[in-house]
N, C-alpha and C. Protein backbone atom coordinates (compact mmCIF):
# COMPACT_ATOMS: atom_id res chain seq x y z
N MET A 1 38.76 178.88 -20.42
CA MET A 1 40.00 178.11 -20.62
C MET A 1 40.49 178.28 -22.04
N ASP A 2 41.75 178.56 -22.17
CA ASP A 2 42.37 178.73 -23.48
C ASP A 2 42.80 177.35 -23.99
N ILE A 3 42.13 176.84 -25.03
CA ILE A 3 42.42 175.50 -25.55
C ILE A 3 43.58 175.58 -26.53
N LYS A 4 44.73 175.03 -26.16
CA LYS A 4 45.90 175.04 -27.03
C LYS A 4 46.43 173.64 -27.34
N HIS A 5 46.17 172.70 -26.43
CA HIS A 5 46.65 171.32 -26.64
C HIS A 5 45.47 170.37 -26.47
N ILE A 6 45.14 169.69 -27.55
CA ILE A 6 44.03 168.74 -27.54
C ILE A 6 44.58 167.32 -27.64
N GLY A 7 44.11 166.45 -26.78
CA GLY A 7 44.44 165.03 -26.85
C GLY A 7 43.26 164.26 -27.42
N ILE A 8 43.54 163.34 -28.33
CA ILE A 8 42.46 162.56 -28.94
C ILE A 8 42.73 161.07 -28.75
N ILE A 9 41.76 160.39 -28.13
CA ILE A 9 41.81 158.93 -27.98
C ILE A 9 40.82 158.37 -29.00
N PRO A 10 41.32 157.93 -30.16
CA PRO A 10 40.44 157.55 -31.27
C PRO A 10 39.98 156.10 -31.19
N ASP A 11 39.07 155.84 -30.27
CA ASP A 11 38.65 154.47 -29.99
C ASP A 11 37.58 154.01 -30.99
N GLY A 12 37.45 152.69 -31.13
CA GLY A 12 36.36 152.10 -31.89
C GLY A 12 36.64 151.77 -33.33
N ASN A 13 37.90 151.77 -33.73
CA ASN A 13 38.20 151.55 -35.15
C ASN A 13 37.91 150.12 -35.61
N ARG A 14 38.13 149.15 -34.74
CA ARG A 14 37.82 147.77 -35.12
C ARG A 14 36.31 147.57 -35.25
N ARG A 15 35.56 148.19 -34.33
CA ARG A 15 34.10 148.10 -34.42
C ARG A 15 33.58 148.83 -35.66
N TRP A 16 34.22 149.96 -36.00
CA TRP A 16 33.83 150.70 -37.20
C TRP A 16 34.06 149.85 -38.45
N ALA A 17 35.20 149.13 -38.48
CA ALA A 17 35.50 148.27 -39.63
C ALA A 17 34.45 147.17 -39.77
N GLN A 18 34.08 146.57 -38.65
CA GLN A 18 33.08 145.50 -38.68
C GLN A 18 31.72 146.06 -39.13
N LYS A 19 31.35 147.21 -38.62
CA LYS A 19 30.08 147.84 -38.98
C LYS A 19 30.02 148.15 -40.48
N ASN A 20 31.14 148.56 -41.05
CA ASN A 20 31.17 148.96 -42.46
C ASN A 20 31.70 147.87 -43.39
N ASP A 21 31.85 146.66 -42.83
CA ASP A 21 32.25 145.50 -43.62
C ASP A 21 33.56 145.74 -44.38
N LEU A 22 34.56 146.26 -43.65
CA LEU A 22 35.88 146.50 -44.22
C LEU A 22 36.91 145.69 -43.44
N ASP A 23 37.99 145.30 -44.12
CA ASP A 23 39.06 144.64 -43.37
C ASP A 23 39.82 145.70 -42.57
N LEU A 24 40.61 145.23 -41.60
CA LEU A 24 41.24 146.16 -40.67
C LEU A 24 42.27 147.06 -41.34
N VAL A 25 43.01 146.54 -42.30
CA VAL A 25 44.02 147.37 -42.97
C VAL A 25 43.36 148.55 -43.67
N GLU A 26 42.27 148.28 -44.38
CA GLU A 26 41.56 149.36 -45.08
C GLU A 26 40.99 150.36 -44.08
N ALA A 27 40.45 149.86 -42.97
CA ALA A 27 39.91 150.75 -41.95
C ALA A 27 41.00 151.63 -41.35
N TYR A 28 42.15 151.05 -41.06
CA TYR A 28 43.23 151.83 -40.49
C TYR A 28 43.83 152.80 -41.50
N ASN A 29 43.80 152.47 -42.78
CA ASN A 29 44.22 153.44 -43.80
C ASN A 29 43.33 154.67 -43.76
N LYS A 30 42.03 154.45 -43.63
CA LYS A 30 41.08 155.57 -43.51
C LYS A 30 41.31 156.32 -42.20
N PHE A 31 41.70 155.59 -41.17
CA PHE A 31 41.99 156.17 -39.86
C PHE A 31 43.09 157.22 -39.97
N PHE A 32 44.17 156.91 -40.67
CA PHE A 32 45.27 157.87 -40.78
C PHE A 32 44.91 159.04 -41.69
N LYS A 33 44.09 158.81 -42.69
CA LYS A 33 43.60 159.93 -43.51
C LYS A 33 42.73 160.86 -42.67
N LYS A 34 41.92 160.26 -41.80
CA LYS A 34 41.08 161.06 -40.90
C LYS A 34 41.94 161.88 -39.95
N ILE A 35 43.02 161.30 -39.45
CA ILE A 35 43.94 162.03 -38.58
C ILE A 35 44.47 163.26 -39.30
N CYS A 36 44.88 163.10 -40.56
CA CYS A 36 45.40 164.23 -41.33
C CYS A 36 44.33 165.30 -41.52
N ASP A 37 43.11 164.89 -41.78
CA ASP A 37 42.01 165.85 -41.94
C ASP A 37 41.80 166.65 -40.66
N ILE A 38 41.85 165.97 -39.51
CA ILE A 38 41.64 166.65 -38.23
C ILE A 38 42.81 167.60 -37.93
N ILE A 39 44.02 167.18 -38.24
CA ILE A 39 45.18 168.05 -38.05
C ILE A 39 45.00 169.34 -38.83
N GLU A 40 44.60 169.22 -40.08
CA GLU A 40 44.39 170.40 -40.92
C GLU A 40 43.30 171.29 -40.35
N HIS A 41 42.24 170.68 -39.87
CA HIS A 41 41.14 171.46 -39.31
C HIS A 41 41.58 172.19 -38.05
N LEU A 42 42.28 171.50 -37.15
CA LEU A 42 42.70 172.13 -35.90
C LEU A 42 43.77 173.19 -36.14
N ARG A 43 44.59 172.98 -37.16
CA ARG A 43 45.60 174.00 -37.52
C ARG A 43 44.91 175.32 -37.86
N LYS A 44 43.83 175.23 -38.60
CA LYS A 44 43.09 176.43 -38.99
C LYS A 44 42.34 177.05 -37.81
N LYS A 45 42.13 176.25 -36.75
CA LYS A 45 41.47 176.75 -35.54
C LYS A 45 42.48 177.32 -34.53
N ASN A 46 43.76 177.41 -34.94
CA ASN A 46 44.83 177.98 -34.11
C ASN A 46 45.11 177.15 -32.86
N ILE A 47 44.93 175.83 -32.97
CA ILE A 47 45.36 174.93 -31.91
C ILE A 47 46.86 174.70 -32.06
N ASP A 48 47.61 174.84 -30.96
CA ASP A 48 49.06 174.73 -31.02
C ASP A 48 49.55 173.29 -31.14
N MET A 49 48.84 172.38 -30.46
CA MET A 49 49.34 171.00 -30.37
C MET A 49 48.16 170.03 -30.29
N VAL A 50 48.33 168.89 -30.96
CA VAL A 50 47.34 167.81 -30.84
C VAL A 50 48.09 166.50 -30.69
N SER A 51 47.64 165.68 -29.74
CA SER A 51 48.28 164.39 -29.46
C SER A 51 47.27 163.27 -29.72
N PHE A 52 47.64 162.36 -30.62
CA PHE A 52 46.78 161.23 -30.97
C PHE A 52 47.32 159.96 -30.33
N TYR A 53 46.44 159.21 -29.66
CA TYR A 53 46.83 157.93 -29.06
C TYR A 53 46.69 156.85 -30.14
N ILE A 54 47.75 156.63 -30.89
CA ILE A 54 47.70 155.69 -32.01
C ILE A 54 47.62 154.25 -31.50
N ILE A 55 48.57 153.87 -30.65
CA ILE A 55 48.59 152.51 -30.12
C ILE A 55 49.39 152.50 -28.83
N SER A 56 48.83 151.94 -27.78
CA SER A 56 49.52 151.89 -26.50
C SER A 56 50.45 150.68 -26.46
N LEU A 57 51.34 150.69 -25.49
CA LEU A 57 52.23 149.54 -25.31
C LEU A 57 51.41 148.30 -24.99
N GLU A 58 50.34 148.48 -24.21
CA GLU A 58 49.48 147.35 -23.85
C GLU A 58 48.73 146.78 -25.06
N ASN A 59 48.45 147.62 -26.04
CA ASN A 59 47.76 147.15 -27.24
C ASN A 59 48.55 146.08 -28.00
N PHE A 60 49.86 146.03 -27.76
CA PHE A 60 50.69 145.04 -28.44
C PHE A 60 50.40 143.62 -27.95
N GLN A 61 49.53 143.50 -26.94
CA GLN A 61 49.11 142.18 -26.48
C GLN A 61 47.87 141.67 -27.22
N ARG A 62 47.37 142.49 -28.15
CA ARG A 62 46.21 142.06 -28.94
C ARG A 62 46.60 140.97 -29.93
N GLU A 63 45.62 140.45 -30.63
CA GLU A 63 45.88 139.42 -31.63
C GLU A 63 46.85 139.96 -32.69
N GLU A 64 47.72 139.09 -33.16
CA GLU A 64 48.75 139.49 -34.11
C GLU A 64 48.15 140.14 -35.36
N ARG A 65 46.99 139.64 -35.80
CA ARG A 65 46.34 140.20 -36.98
C ARG A 65 45.99 141.67 -36.77
N ASP A 66 45.48 141.99 -35.58
CA ASP A 66 45.10 143.37 -35.28
C ASP A 66 46.32 144.29 -35.27
N ILE A 67 47.38 143.84 -34.60
CA ILE A 67 48.59 144.65 -34.51
C ILE A 67 49.20 144.86 -35.89
N ASN A 68 49.31 143.80 -36.66
CA ASN A 68 49.92 143.91 -37.98
C ASN A 68 49.13 144.83 -38.90
N SER A 69 47.81 144.82 -38.77
CA SER A 69 46.98 145.70 -39.60
C SER A 69 47.26 147.16 -39.28
N MET A 70 47.33 147.49 -37.99
CA MET A 70 47.64 148.85 -37.59
C MET A 70 49.04 149.28 -38.04
N LEU A 71 50.03 148.42 -37.82
CA LEU A 71 51.40 148.76 -38.16
C LEU A 71 51.61 148.87 -39.66
N GLN A 72 50.91 148.05 -40.42
CA GLN A 72 50.98 148.14 -41.88
C GLN A 72 50.41 149.48 -42.35
N ALA A 73 49.29 149.88 -41.77
CA ALA A 73 48.68 151.15 -42.14
C ALA A 73 49.54 152.33 -41.70
N LEU A 74 50.17 152.22 -40.53
CA LEU A 74 51.08 153.27 -40.06
C LEU A 74 52.23 153.45 -41.01
N ASP A 75 52.83 152.34 -41.42
CA ASP A 75 53.97 152.40 -42.34
C ASP A 75 53.56 153.06 -43.66
N LEU A 76 52.39 152.71 -44.16
CA LEU A 76 51.90 153.30 -45.40
C LEU A 76 51.65 154.80 -45.23
N ALA A 77 51.04 155.19 -44.10
CA ALA A 77 50.73 156.60 -43.86
C ALA A 77 51.98 157.46 -43.76
N LEU A 78 53.04 156.91 -43.17
CA LEU A 78 54.29 157.65 -43.02
C LEU A 78 54.93 157.97 -44.37
N GLY A 79 54.64 157.16 -45.36
CA GLY A 79 55.18 157.40 -46.69
C GLY A 79 54.17 158.00 -47.64
N ASP A 80 52.96 158.30 -47.12
CA ASP A 80 51.88 158.78 -47.99
C ASP A 80 51.21 160.01 -47.37
N VAL A 81 50.10 159.83 -46.66
CA VAL A 81 49.31 160.98 -46.23
C VAL A 81 50.03 161.85 -45.19
N LEU A 82 50.72 161.23 -44.24
CA LEU A 82 51.45 162.03 -43.24
C LEU A 82 52.64 162.74 -43.87
N LEU A 83 53.32 162.06 -44.75
CA LEU A 83 54.44 162.68 -45.45
C LEU A 83 53.96 163.85 -46.31
N ASN A 84 52.86 163.66 -47.01
CA ASN A 84 52.31 164.72 -47.85
C ASN A 84 51.91 165.94 -47.01
N LEU A 85 51.36 165.68 -45.82
CA LEU A 85 50.98 166.76 -44.92
C LEU A 85 52.20 167.59 -44.51
N VAL A 86 53.26 166.91 -44.13
CA VAL A 86 54.47 167.60 -43.68
C VAL A 86 55.15 168.34 -44.83
N GLU A 87 55.12 167.76 -46.00
CA GLU A 87 55.76 168.40 -47.15
C GLU A 87 55.05 169.68 -47.57
N ASN A 88 53.75 169.76 -47.33
CA ASN A 88 52.96 170.87 -47.87
C ASN A 88 52.44 171.85 -46.84
N GLU A 89 52.52 171.52 -45.56
CA GLU A 89 51.97 172.39 -44.54
C GLU A 89 52.99 172.61 -43.41
N ASP A 90 52.72 173.65 -42.61
CA ASP A 90 53.60 174.00 -41.49
C ASP A 90 53.22 173.14 -40.28
N VAL A 91 53.52 171.84 -40.39
CA VAL A 91 53.13 170.85 -39.38
C VAL A 91 54.37 170.10 -38.91
N LYS A 92 54.55 170.04 -37.60
CA LYS A 92 55.66 169.27 -37.03
C LYS A 92 55.13 167.96 -36.46
N ILE A 93 55.80 166.86 -36.78
CA ILE A 93 55.39 165.53 -36.32
C ILE A 93 56.41 164.99 -35.32
N ASN A 94 55.92 164.54 -34.17
CA ASN A 94 56.74 163.81 -33.20
C ASN A 94 56.11 162.45 -32.97
N CYS A 95 56.90 161.40 -33.04
CA CYS A 95 56.41 160.05 -32.71
C CYS A 95 56.97 159.69 -31.34
N VAL A 96 56.08 159.44 -30.39
CA VAL A 96 56.46 159.28 -28.99
C VAL A 96 56.08 157.88 -28.51
N GLY A 97 57.04 157.17 -27.97
CA GLY A 97 56.77 155.83 -27.46
C GLY A 97 57.95 154.91 -27.71
N ASN A 98 57.72 153.62 -27.55
CA ASN A 98 58.77 152.62 -27.73
C ASN A 98 58.89 152.25 -29.21
N ILE A 99 59.52 153.14 -29.95
CA ILE A 99 59.63 152.99 -31.40
C ILE A 99 60.45 151.75 -31.79
N ASP A 100 61.26 151.25 -30.86
CA ASP A 100 62.08 150.07 -31.14
C ASP A 100 61.23 148.83 -31.43
N LEU A 101 59.96 148.86 -31.07
CA LEU A 101 59.09 147.73 -31.36
C LEU A 101 58.66 147.67 -32.83
N LEU A 102 58.95 148.73 -33.58
CA LEU A 102 58.53 148.81 -34.97
C LEU A 102 59.60 148.25 -35.89
N SER A 103 59.22 148.00 -37.13
CA SER A 103 60.18 147.48 -38.12
C SER A 103 61.22 148.55 -38.45
N GLU A 104 62.35 148.11 -38.98
CA GLU A 104 63.41 149.04 -39.37
C GLU A 104 62.92 150.00 -40.45
N THR A 105 62.11 149.49 -41.37
CA THR A 105 61.57 150.35 -42.43
C THR A 105 60.71 151.45 -41.85
N THR A 106 59.83 151.11 -40.92
CA THR A 106 58.96 152.10 -40.30
C THR A 106 59.76 153.10 -39.48
N LYS A 107 60.77 152.61 -38.75
CA LYS A 107 61.60 153.51 -37.95
C LYS A 107 62.34 154.52 -38.83
N LYS A 108 62.79 154.10 -39.98
CA LYS A 108 63.47 155.01 -40.90
C LYS A 108 62.50 156.06 -41.44
N LYS A 109 61.28 155.66 -41.69
CA LYS A 109 60.26 156.62 -42.17
C LYS A 109 59.93 157.64 -41.08
N ILE A 110 59.87 157.18 -39.84
CA ILE A 110 59.63 158.09 -38.72
C ILE A 110 60.77 159.09 -38.59
N GLU A 111 62.00 158.59 -38.66
CA GLU A 111 63.17 159.46 -38.57
C GLU A 111 63.14 160.51 -39.68
N TYR A 112 62.76 160.08 -40.88
CA TYR A 112 62.74 161.01 -42.02
C TYR A 112 61.66 162.07 -41.85
N ILE A 113 60.45 161.66 -41.47
CA ILE A 113 59.34 162.62 -41.38
C ILE A 113 59.55 163.59 -40.21
N GLU A 114 60.16 163.11 -39.12
CA GLU A 114 60.46 164.00 -38.01
C GLU A 114 61.53 165.01 -38.42
N SER A 115 62.53 164.56 -39.16
CA SER A 115 63.58 165.45 -39.63
C SER A 115 63.03 166.49 -40.61
N LEU A 116 62.16 166.04 -41.50
CA LEU A 116 61.58 166.92 -42.50
C LEU A 116 60.72 168.00 -41.86
N SER A 117 60.06 167.67 -40.76
CA SER A 117 59.15 168.62 -40.11
C SER A 117 59.82 169.46 -39.04
N LYS A 118 61.10 169.22 -38.80
CA LYS A 118 61.83 169.95 -37.76
C LYS A 118 61.81 171.45 -38.08
N GLY A 119 61.48 172.25 -37.09
CA GLY A 119 61.45 173.69 -37.28
C GLY A 119 60.08 174.23 -37.67
N LYS A 120 59.16 173.34 -38.03
CA LYS A 120 57.80 173.79 -38.35
C LYS A 120 57.06 174.02 -37.04
N VAL A 121 56.24 175.06 -37.02
CA VAL A 121 55.73 175.51 -35.71
C VAL A 121 54.23 175.78 -35.66
N GLU A 122 53.54 175.82 -36.79
CA GLU A 122 52.14 176.24 -36.75
C GLU A 122 51.29 175.30 -35.89
N ILE A 123 51.52 174.00 -36.03
CA ILE A 123 50.88 173.03 -35.15
C ILE A 123 51.83 171.86 -34.95
N VAL A 124 51.95 171.42 -33.71
CA VAL A 124 52.78 170.26 -33.37
C VAL A 124 51.87 169.06 -33.16
N VAL A 125 52.20 167.95 -33.82
CA VAL A 125 51.40 166.74 -33.75
C VAL A 125 52.21 165.63 -33.10
N ASN A 126 51.72 165.12 -31.98
CA ASN A 126 52.35 163.99 -31.30
C ASN A 126 51.57 162.73 -31.62
N LEU A 127 52.25 161.75 -32.20
CA LEU A 127 51.65 160.45 -32.47
C LEU A 127 52.18 159.47 -31.42
N LEU A 128 51.32 159.05 -30.50
CA LEU A 128 51.73 158.15 -29.44
C LEU A 128 51.68 156.71 -29.96
N ILE A 129 52.86 156.10 -30.07
CA ILE A 129 53.00 154.77 -30.67
C ILE A 129 53.75 153.88 -29.70
N ALA A 130 53.13 152.75 -29.31
CA ALA A 130 53.71 151.87 -28.29
C ALA A 130 54.06 152.70 -27.05
N TYR A 131 53.10 153.54 -26.67
CA TYR A 131 53.33 154.50 -25.58
C TYR A 131 52.91 153.93 -24.22
N ASN A 132 53.72 154.25 -23.21
CA ASN A 132 53.39 153.95 -21.82
C ASN A 132 54.00 155.06 -20.97
N PRO A 133 53.22 155.68 -20.08
CA PRO A 133 53.73 156.83 -19.32
C PRO A 133 54.89 156.51 -18.41
N PHE A 134 55.01 155.27 -17.98
CA PHE A 134 56.12 154.93 -17.10
C PHE A 134 57.47 155.05 -17.81
N ASP A 135 57.46 154.91 -19.14
CA ASP A 135 58.70 155.10 -19.89
C ASP A 135 59.22 156.52 -19.72
N GLU A 136 58.30 157.49 -19.72
CA GLU A 136 58.71 158.88 -19.52
C GLU A 136 59.35 159.07 -18.15
N ILE A 137 58.72 158.52 -17.13
CA ILE A 137 59.24 158.66 -15.77
C ILE A 137 60.60 157.98 -15.64
N ASN A 138 60.72 156.79 -16.20
CA ASN A 138 61.99 156.05 -16.10
C ASN A 138 63.12 156.79 -16.81
N CYS A 139 62.81 157.46 -17.92
CA CYS A 139 63.83 158.23 -18.63
C CYS A 139 64.32 159.40 -17.78
N ILE A 140 63.39 160.04 -17.09
CA ILE A 140 63.77 161.16 -16.22
C ILE A 140 64.63 160.66 -15.07
N ILE A 141 64.22 159.56 -14.45
CA ILE A 141 64.99 159.00 -13.33
C ILE A 141 66.38 158.57 -13.78
N ALA A 142 66.44 157.96 -14.97
CA ALA A 142 67.74 157.53 -15.50
C ALA A 142 68.68 158.71 -15.72
N GLY A 143 68.10 159.86 -16.02
CA GLY A 143 68.91 161.06 -16.22
C GLY A 143 69.15 161.83 -14.94
N HIS A 144 68.67 161.28 -13.82
CA HIS A 144 68.85 161.88 -12.50
C HIS A 144 68.26 163.29 -12.44
N ASN A 145 67.15 163.49 -13.13
CA ASN A 145 66.49 164.78 -13.13
C ASN A 145 65.31 164.78 -12.17
N LYS A 146 64.97 165.96 -11.69
CA LYS A 146 63.76 166.11 -10.90
C LYS A 146 62.56 165.96 -11.82
N ILE A 147 61.55 165.21 -11.39
CA ILE A 147 60.39 164.96 -12.23
C ILE A 147 59.52 166.23 -12.30
N GLY A 148 59.37 166.74 -13.50
CA GLY A 148 58.52 167.90 -13.75
C GLY A 148 58.04 167.85 -15.18
N ILE A 149 56.97 168.57 -15.50
CA ILE A 149 56.43 168.48 -16.85
C ILE A 149 57.44 168.93 -17.90
N GLU A 150 58.34 169.82 -17.50
CA GLU A 150 59.35 170.30 -18.45
C GLU A 150 60.33 169.21 -18.85
N ASN A 151 60.41 168.13 -18.07
CA ASN A 151 61.32 167.02 -18.38
C ASN A 151 60.67 165.94 -19.23
N LEU A 152 59.37 166.03 -19.43
CA LEU A 152 58.66 164.99 -20.17
C LEU A 152 58.87 165.12 -21.67
N VAL A 153 58.67 164.02 -22.39
CA VAL A 153 58.81 164.04 -23.85
C VAL A 153 57.81 165.03 -24.44
N ILE A 154 56.59 165.02 -23.94
CA ILE A 154 55.59 166.02 -24.31
C ILE A 154 55.44 166.93 -23.09
N SER A 155 55.94 168.15 -23.20
CA SER A 155 56.06 169.01 -22.02
C SER A 155 54.98 170.09 -21.96
N LYS A 156 53.95 169.98 -22.77
CA LYS A 156 52.85 170.95 -22.77
C LYS A 156 51.61 170.28 -22.17
N LYS A 157 51.00 170.90 -21.19
CA LYS A 157 49.83 170.32 -20.54
C LYS A 157 48.68 170.16 -21.55
N VAL A 158 47.90 169.11 -21.36
CA VAL A 158 46.73 168.87 -22.21
C VAL A 158 45.54 169.64 -21.64
N ASP A 159 44.86 170.41 -22.49
CA ASP A 159 43.71 171.20 -22.05
C ASP A 159 42.39 170.44 -22.21
N LEU A 160 42.30 169.63 -23.25
CA LEU A 160 41.05 168.96 -23.59
C LEU A 160 41.34 167.60 -24.18
N ILE A 161 40.67 166.57 -23.67
CA ILE A 161 40.79 165.22 -24.21
C ILE A 161 39.45 164.83 -24.83
N ILE A 162 39.50 164.35 -26.06
CA ILE A 162 38.29 163.88 -26.74
C ILE A 162 38.46 162.38 -26.98
N ARG A 163 37.52 161.59 -26.46
CA ARG A 163 37.56 160.16 -26.68
C ARG A 163 36.31 159.75 -27.46
N SER A 164 36.52 158.96 -28.49
CA SER A 164 35.41 158.52 -29.34
C SER A 164 34.88 157.17 -28.88
N ALA A 165 33.76 156.77 -29.45
CA ALA A 165 33.16 155.44 -29.30
C ALA A 165 32.58 155.17 -27.92
N GLY A 166 32.24 156.22 -27.18
CA GLY A 166 31.48 156.06 -25.95
C GLY A 166 32.15 155.24 -24.86
N ASN A 167 31.36 154.47 -24.14
CA ASN A 167 31.85 153.67 -23.01
C ASN A 167 32.80 152.57 -23.49
N PRO A 168 33.77 152.15 -22.67
CA PRO A 168 34.03 152.64 -21.32
C PRO A 168 34.78 153.97 -21.34
N VAL A 169 34.50 154.82 -20.36
CA VAL A 169 35.16 156.12 -20.26
C VAL A 169 36.45 155.94 -19.47
N ARG A 170 37.54 155.78 -20.18
CA ARG A 170 38.85 155.59 -19.54
C ARG A 170 39.88 156.44 -20.26
N LEU A 171 40.93 156.85 -19.53
CA LEU A 171 42.06 157.53 -20.15
C LEU A 171 43.05 156.54 -20.74
N SER A 172 43.02 155.30 -20.24
CA SER A 172 43.86 154.23 -20.79
C SER A 172 45.34 154.60 -20.87
N ASN A 173 45.83 155.25 -19.81
CA ASN A 173 47.25 155.66 -19.73
C ASN A 173 47.62 156.74 -20.74
N PHE A 174 46.64 157.51 -21.18
CA PHE A 174 46.93 158.60 -22.13
C PHE A 174 47.49 159.81 -21.39
N LEU A 175 48.78 160.05 -21.53
CA LEU A 175 49.46 161.24 -21.00
C LEU A 175 48.93 161.67 -19.63
N PRO A 176 48.95 160.79 -18.64
CA PRO A 176 48.36 161.13 -17.33
C PRO A 176 49.04 162.29 -16.63
N LEU A 177 50.36 162.42 -16.80
CA LEU A 177 51.08 163.49 -16.12
C LEU A 177 50.79 164.84 -16.76
N GLN A 178 50.46 164.84 -18.05
CA GLN A 178 50.15 166.09 -18.75
C GLN A 178 48.68 166.46 -18.66
N SER A 179 47.84 165.49 -18.24
CA SER A 179 46.39 165.67 -18.34
C SER A 179 45.70 165.87 -16.99
N GLY A 180 46.44 166.27 -15.99
CA GLY A 180 45.89 166.37 -14.64
C GLY A 180 44.68 167.28 -14.52
N TYR A 181 44.63 168.34 -15.33
CA TYR A 181 43.51 169.27 -15.28
C TYR A 181 42.79 169.36 -16.63
N ALA A 182 42.95 168.36 -17.46
CA ALA A 182 42.30 168.39 -18.76
C ALA A 182 40.80 168.14 -18.63
N ALA A 183 40.03 168.85 -19.43
CA ALA A 183 38.61 168.52 -19.57
C ALA A 183 38.51 167.26 -20.43
N ILE A 184 37.53 166.41 -20.15
CA ILE A 184 37.35 165.16 -20.90
C ILE A 184 35.98 165.16 -21.55
N HIS A 185 35.96 164.96 -22.86
CA HIS A 185 34.70 164.93 -23.61
C HIS A 185 34.61 163.59 -24.33
N VAL A 186 33.57 162.83 -24.04
CA VAL A 186 33.39 161.51 -24.63
C VAL A 186 32.27 161.56 -25.67
N LEU A 187 32.58 161.10 -26.87
CA LEU A 187 31.60 161.04 -27.96
C LEU A 187 31.11 159.62 -28.16
N ASP A 188 29.85 159.47 -28.50
CA ASP A 188 29.33 158.14 -28.84
C ASP A 188 29.80 157.70 -30.23
N ASP A 189 30.08 158.67 -31.11
CA ASP A 189 30.50 158.36 -32.47
C ASP A 189 31.84 157.64 -32.50
N PHE A 190 32.01 156.76 -33.49
CA PHE A 190 33.32 156.20 -33.76
C PHE A 190 34.22 157.32 -34.30
N PHE A 191 35.52 157.15 -34.12
CA PHE A 191 36.47 158.19 -34.54
C PHE A 191 36.28 158.56 -36.01
N LEU A 192 36.13 157.57 -36.88
CA LEU A 192 36.04 157.83 -38.31
C LEU A 192 34.73 158.51 -38.71
N ASP A 193 33.79 158.60 -37.78
CA ASP A 193 32.51 159.26 -38.06
C ASP A 193 32.43 160.67 -37.49
N ILE A 194 33.47 161.14 -36.83
CA ILE A 194 33.45 162.47 -36.21
C ILE A 194 33.51 163.56 -37.29
N LYS A 195 32.63 164.53 -37.18
CA LYS A 195 32.58 165.64 -38.13
C LYS A 195 33.29 166.87 -37.55
N ASN A 196 33.79 167.70 -38.44
CA ASN A 196 34.51 168.89 -37.99
C ASN A 196 33.63 169.85 -37.20
N ASP A 197 32.35 169.95 -37.56
CA ASP A 197 31.48 170.86 -36.82
C ASP A 197 31.27 170.38 -35.39
N VAL A 198 31.34 169.06 -35.18
CA VAL A 198 31.25 168.52 -33.82
C VAL A 198 32.50 168.91 -33.02
N LEU A 199 33.66 168.82 -33.64
CA LEU A 199 34.89 169.25 -32.98
C LEU A 199 34.81 170.73 -32.61
N ASN A 200 34.28 171.53 -33.53
CA ASN A 200 34.14 172.97 -33.26
C ASN A 200 33.28 173.22 -32.02
N LYS A 201 32.17 172.49 -31.92
CA LYS A 201 31.26 172.67 -30.79
C LYS A 201 31.93 172.27 -29.47
N ILE A 202 32.69 171.17 -29.51
CA ILE A 202 33.38 170.71 -28.30
C ILE A 202 34.40 171.74 -27.84
N ILE A 203 35.20 172.23 -28.78
CA ILE A 203 36.23 173.23 -28.45
C ILE A 203 35.59 174.48 -27.89
N HIS A 204 34.51 174.95 -28.53
CA HIS A 204 33.82 176.15 -28.08
C HIS A 204 33.23 175.95 -26.68
N GLN A 205 32.66 174.78 -26.45
CA GLN A 205 32.05 174.48 -25.15
C GLN A 205 33.07 174.55 -24.02
N HIS A 206 34.22 173.94 -24.22
CA HIS A 206 35.21 173.85 -23.14
C HIS A 206 36.08 175.10 -23.05
N ALA A 207 36.17 175.86 -24.15
CA ALA A 207 36.93 177.11 -24.11
C ALA A 207 36.25 178.14 -23.21
N GLY A 208 34.93 177.98 -23.00
CA GLY A 208 34.20 178.93 -22.18
C GLY A 208 34.24 178.64 -20.70
N VAL A 209 34.95 177.59 -20.29
CA VAL A 209 35.01 177.20 -18.87
C VAL A 209 36.14 177.97 -18.17
N ASP A 210 35.82 178.54 -17.02
CA ASP A 210 36.83 179.26 -16.22
C ASP A 210 37.54 178.25 -15.32
N MET A 211 38.79 177.92 -15.66
CA MET A 211 39.55 176.93 -14.91
C MET A 211 40.29 177.57 -13.74
N LYS A 212 40.23 176.96 -12.56
CA LYS A 212 40.91 177.46 -11.36
C LYS A 212 42.22 176.70 -11.10
N TYR A 213 42.39 175.51 -11.72
CA TYR A 213 43.59 174.69 -11.53
C TYR A 213 43.93 174.47 -10.05
N GLY A 214 42.87 174.16 -9.28
CA GLY A 214 43.06 173.82 -7.88
C GLY A 214 43.16 175.02 -6.95
N LYS A 215 43.14 176.24 -7.48
CA LYS A 215 43.32 177.43 -6.65
C LYS A 215 42.00 177.82 -5.98
């Protein structure tokens, strides 16, 4: 199997913060720095696209403190580590989801970073924020289009999904229409503890699988 699009479900960040005696904002700041490190690593591995499940629409039902910590860190990253990545590397950023749930300041930063990265092609990074797959379907129906992967916001099939922090093993609504034939690899490690050599081993392991895609 040719691995070109990797999906990452970075679970366990709250547990990691508790384990390391850090507040959630500081943990999520490290989370976005880790995302940038992984993007750089996968770019050098000739991966075309990586999609990170930052926060689902359902996650907005969590305690206000948890949500605010994540959104505060996201806003900071858009003006810091993610911005620096786009300014210095051939990286395109797409933010996918119900962005209207975010503050006006954060939405302006998203608009700016997406505009700045437009036309960059070495690796495409999808940040799923307030994401729910039914939104994609409803947009297609509203446009009276036939439902197909080419009509989706993310129109490239996912080859490999990596989920951190072990059980429970769930996709949690992560790009289900794009992930129909994706290999799924679950790590016991928390996302912030994942090493690049582990990613290399996972990619190598699944790249050697001969996929039939139902044929």
